[in-house]
Amino acid sequence: MKRNLLLIFAVLFAVFLVVNSARRIVTFKGTSEKVSEAGEKLESLRSENEQLKQELTYKKSEEFKEAEIRNKLGLVREGEALVIIPKEENQQPATRNQQLVPNWQKWRELFFGAS
């Protein structure tokens, strides 16, 4: 009887250890996945940070300031000429009546005149 009780206790203790170990393994696996995801996110944030630092350095430079002044204000250096090309305004939008007339009527008016 004492031996059976000791065996039952040993089996219950072994089951307890197996369940507890399995639970810890699952928890450890989830934690390691979270750590790897955080590491990937950290790497992407470092890359983005580096790009932003480079952009900031460029925007603080005199080259950027000059380009912005030239583009936004239309200013030029001494001795340079500013050329502005006007937009073509030859195209007139079609009126509503022209859009509603079928093509065969337009051809008839062209050959035979307006009736």
Protein backbone atom coordinates (compact mmCIF):
# COMPACT_ATOMS: atom_id res chain seq x y z
CA MET A 1 0.00 0.00 0.00
CA LYS A 2 2.77 2.34 0.95
CA ARG A 3 4.57 1.49 -2.27
CA ASN A 4 1.44 2.17 -4.39
CA LEU A 5 0.89 5.48 -2.64
CA LEU A 6 4.50 6.44 -3.29
CA LEU A 7 4.15 5.42 -6.95
CA ILE A 8 0.95 7.46 -7.37
CA PHE A 9 2.64 10.43 -5.73
CA ALA A 10 5.67 10.07 -8.04
CA VAL A 11 3.42 9.85 -11.14
CA LEU A 12 1.41 12.92 -10.07
CA PHE A 13 4.61 14.81 -9.39
CA ALA A 14 6.00 13.80 -12.82
CA VAL A 15 2.76 14.93 -14.54
CA PHE A 16 2.93 18.20 -12.64
CA LEU A 17 6.53 18.73 -13.78
CA VAL A 18 5.69 17.88 -17.41
CA VAL A 19 2.70 20.25 -17.50
CA ASN A 20 4.64 23.01 -15.79
CA SER A 21 7.61 22.54 -18.16
CA ALA A 22 5.35 22.55 -21.21
CA ARG A 23 3.70 25.74 -20.03
CA ARG A 24 7.08 27.40 -19.53
CA ILE A 25 8.28 26.28 -22.97
CA VAL A 26 5.18 27.80 -24.62
CA THR A 27 5.65 31.02 -22.65
CA PHE A 28 9.34 31.13 -23.58
CA LYS A 29 8.52 30.59 -27.27
CA GLY A 30 5.97 33.44 -27.23
CA THR A 31 8.44 35.70 -25.46
CA SER A 32 11.21 34.90 -27.94
CA GLU A 33 8.85 35.72 -30.85
CA LYS A 34 8.01 39.06 -29.22
CA VAL A 35 11.71 39.80 -28.76
CA SER A 36 12.49 39.02 -32.40
CA GLU A 37 9.57 41.21 -33.58
CA ALA A 38 10.78 44.03 -31.33
CA GLY A 39 14.30 43.62 -32.76
CA GLU A 40 12.99 43.89 -36.33
CA LYS A 41 10.95 46.95 -35.40
CA LEU A 42 13.99 48.49 -33.73
CA GLU A 43 16.08 47.90 -36.86
CA SER A 44 13.45 49.51 -39.10
CA LEU A 45 13.18 52.49 -36.73
CA ARG A 46 16.96 52.89 -36.75
CA SER A 47 16.94 52.86 -40.54
CA GLU A 48 14.14 55.45 -40.64
CA ASN A 49 15.99 57.55 -38.07
CA GLU A 50 19.13 57.49 -40.24
CA GLN A 51 17.14 58.59 -43.29
CA LEU A 52 15.55 61.43 -41.32
CA LYS A 53 18.97 62.56 -40.06
CA GLN A 54 20.26 62.67 -43.64
CA GLU A 55 17.20 64.64 -44.75
CA LEU A 56 17.67 67.07 -41.85
CA THR A 57 21.32 67.55 -42.76
CA TYR A 58 20.35 68.29 -46.37
CA LYS A 59 17.60 70.70 -45.35
CA LYS A 60 20.02 72.60 -43.12
CA SER A 61 22.48 73.01 -45.99
CA GLU A 62 22.89 76.13 -48.09
CA GLU A 63 22.18 74.09 -51.24
CA PHE A 64 18.65 73.34 -50.02
CA LYS A 65 18.01 76.92 -48.98
CA GLU A 66 19.10 78.21 -52.38
CA ALA A 67 16.97 75.65 -54.22
CA GLU A 68 13.90 76.56 -52.18
CA ILE A 69 14.44 80.29 -52.76
CA ARG A 70 14.82 79.72 -56.50
CA ASN A 71 11.81 77.41 -56.80
CA LYS A 72 9.30 79.01 -54.47
CA LEU A 73 10.13 82.69 -54.83
CA GLY A 74 11.36 82.66 -58.41
CA LEU A 75 14.57 84.52 -57.55
CA VAL A 76 17.77 84.27 -59.59
CA ARG A 77 21.43 85.12 -59.09
CA GLU A 78 22.99 88.21 -60.56
CA GLY A 79 23.62 87.78 -64.27
CA GLU A 80 21.01 85.03 -64.66
CA ALA A 81 17.72 85.50 -66.44
CA LEU A 82 14.44 84.04 -65.29
CA VAL A 83 12.41 82.51 -68.11
CA ILE A 84 8.71 81.93 -67.56
CA ILE A 85 6.94 79.87 -70.17
CA PRO A 86 3.24 80.77 -70.39
CA LYS A 87 0.63 78.04 -70.45
CA GLU A 88 -1.13 77.48 -73.73
CA GLU A 89 -4.67 78.73 -73.59
CA ASN A 90 -5.60 77.94 -77.21
CA GLN A 91 -7.81 75.07 -76.23
CA GLN A 92 -11.30 76.21 -75.40
CA PRO A 93 -13.50 73.83 -73.49
CA ALA A 94 -16.38 72.43 -75.52
CA THR A 95 -19.74 73.94 -74.70
CA ARG A 96 -22.59 71.79 -73.54
CA ASN A 97 -24.44 72.11 -76.88
CA GLN A 98 -21.44 70.87 -78.86
CA GLN A 99 -21.18 67.82 -76.68
CA LEU A 100 -24.82 66.86 -77.22
CA VAL A 101 -24.78 67.09 -81.04
CA PRO A 102 -24.16 63.68 -82.64
CA ASN A 103 -21.24 63.31 -85.06
CA TRP A 104 -23.42 62.66 -88.12
CA GLN A 105 -25.12 66.06 -87.61
CA LYS A 106 -21.74 67.78 -87.32
CA TRP A 107 -20.66 66.21 -90.64
CA ARG A 108 -23.95 67.19 -92.31
CA GLU A 109 -23.51 70.80 -91.14
CA LEU A 110 -19.96 70.79 -92.43
CA PHE A 111 -20.88 69.62 -95.95
CA PHE A 112 -24.38 71.07 -96.42
CA GLY A 113 -24.37 74.01 -94.03
CA ALA A 114 -26.63 74.64 -91.07
CA SER A 115 -30.25 73.80 -91.78
